[in-house]
Protein backbone atom coordinates (compact mmCIF):
# COMPACT_ATOMS: atom_id res chain seq x y z
CA MET A 1 13.47 10.50 -6.89
CA GLN A 2 15.46 8.19 -4.64
CA LEU A 3 13.50 5.14 -5.82
CA LEU A 4 13.46 6.18 -9.49
CA GLY A 5 17.19 6.85 -9.35
CA LYS A 6 18.00 3.31 -8.29
CA ARG A 7 19.71 1.16 -10.88
CA TRP A 8 17.28 -0.61 -13.26
CA THR A 9 14.14 0.95 -11.76
CA GLY A 10 13.57 3.28 -14.70
CA LEU A 11 14.04 0.51 -17.24
CA ILE A 12 11.64 -1.76 -15.37
CA ILE A 13 8.98 0.96 -15.43
CA TYR A 14 9.72 1.65 -19.10
CA GLN A 15 9.34 -2.07 -19.87
CA LEU A 16 5.95 -2.17 -18.13
CA LEU A 17 4.66 0.82 -20.10
CA SER A 18 3.89 -1.65 -22.89
CA GLY A 19 1.44 -3.51 -20.65
CA PRO A 20 1.22 -6.29 -18.05
CA GLN A 21 4.07 -8.79 -18.11
CA ARG A 22 5.17 -11.89 -16.28
CA PHE A 23 8.40 -11.89 -14.31
CA SER A 24 10.10 -14.05 -16.95
CA GLU A 25 9.20 -11.57 -19.71
CA ILE A 26 10.68 -8.64 -17.81
CA ASP A 27 13.72 -10.72 -16.88
CA ALA A 28 14.31 -11.70 -20.52
CA ALA A 29 14.01 -8.10 -21.71
CA LEU A 30 16.51 -6.59 -19.27
CA PRO A 31 20.12 -7.58 -18.48
CA VAL A 32 19.48 -7.63 -14.73
CA SER A 33 19.76 -10.48 -12.23
CA GLY A 34 16.55 -12.15 -11.13
CA ARG A 35 17.29 -11.30 -7.51
CA LEU A 36 17.70 -7.58 -8.23
CA LEU A 37 14.64 -7.54 -10.51
CA SER A 38 12.57 -9.13 -7.75
CA GLU A 39 13.86 -6.58 -5.24
CA ARG A 40 13.04 -3.62 -7.50
CA LEU A 41 9.57 -4.95 -8.30
CA LYS A 42 8.85 -5.29 -4.56
CA GLU A 43 10.02 -1.72 -3.95
CA LEU A 44 7.83 -0.44 -6.78
CA GLU A 45 4.92 -2.43 -5.39
CA VAL A 46 5.36 -0.90 -1.92
CA GLU A 47 5.33 2.58 -3.51
CA GLU A 48 2.15 1.63 -5.43
CA ILE A 49 3.80 2.20 -8.81
CA VAL A 50 3.52 -1.47 -9.79
CA THR A 51 0.85 -3.98 -8.95
CA ARG A 52 1.24 -7.73 -8.87
CA GLU A 53 -1.70 -9.90 -9.85
CA ILE A 54 -1.76 -13.58 -9.02
CA TYR A 55 -3.95 -15.84 -11.17
CA PRO A 56 -5.18 -19.05 -9.51
CA GLU A 57 -4.02 -21.39 -12.26
CA VAL A 58 -1.79 -24.43 -12.29
CA PRO A 59 0.98 -23.45 -12.43
CA VAL A 60 0.29 -20.11 -10.73
CA ARG A 61 0.62 -17.15 -13.09
CA VAL A 62 1.81 -13.79 -11.76
CA GLU A 63 1.69 -10.60 -13.82
CA TYR A 64 3.13 -7.19 -13.04
CA SER A 65 1.60 -3.99 -14.36
CA LEU A 66 1.76 -0.29 -13.71
CA THR A 67 -0.82 1.32 -11.46
CA GLU A 68 -2.38 4.65 -12.37
CA LYS A 69 0.39 6.26 -10.33
CA GLY A 70 2.96 4.37 -12.41
CA ARG A 71 1.31 5.23 -15.72
CA GLN A 72 1.53 8.90 -14.79
CA LEU A 73 5.30 8.55 -15.32
CA GLU A 74 4.85 7.82 -19.04
CA PRO A 75 5.29 11.45 -20.24
CA ILE A 76 8.59 11.63 -18.38
CA PHE A 77 9.88 8.47 -20.06
CA THR A 78 8.59 9.64 -23.44
CA GLU A 79 10.59 12.86 -23.11
CA LEU A 80 13.68 10.96 -21.96
CA GLN A 81 13.36 8.71 -25.02
CA LYS A 82 13.12 11.76 -27.32
CA TRP A 83 16.18 13.30 -25.69
CA SER A 84 18.07 10.02 -25.96
CA ASP A 85 17.15 9.62 -29.62
CA GLN A 86 18.55 13.07 -30.33
CA TRP A 87 21.66 13.14 -28.16
CA VAL A 88 22.88 9.65 -27.34
CA GLU A 89 24.90 7.80 -29.93
CA THR A 90 24.44 4.06 -30.04
CA SER A 91 27.61 2.01 -30.23
CA LYS A 92 28.04 0.08 -33.43
């Protein structure tokens, strides 16, 4: 819970539920600094929630994706989304 409660961690996991993404794609989707995003991805990698795959291309391509452990969080995020849809008003 300590890791999942850190700022932006939940949104990073939620973003990766849609499939593997490059750092730049995650960065563009979330209003978080690149430094903090990098830090959170490393923490998630250490906890084996996210995996980083490096492709030997020129230039090098790196993709982040959820591990099986990370994908097991999907029902939790689905329920949070349902709750949010029902109870949280969006500002207009």
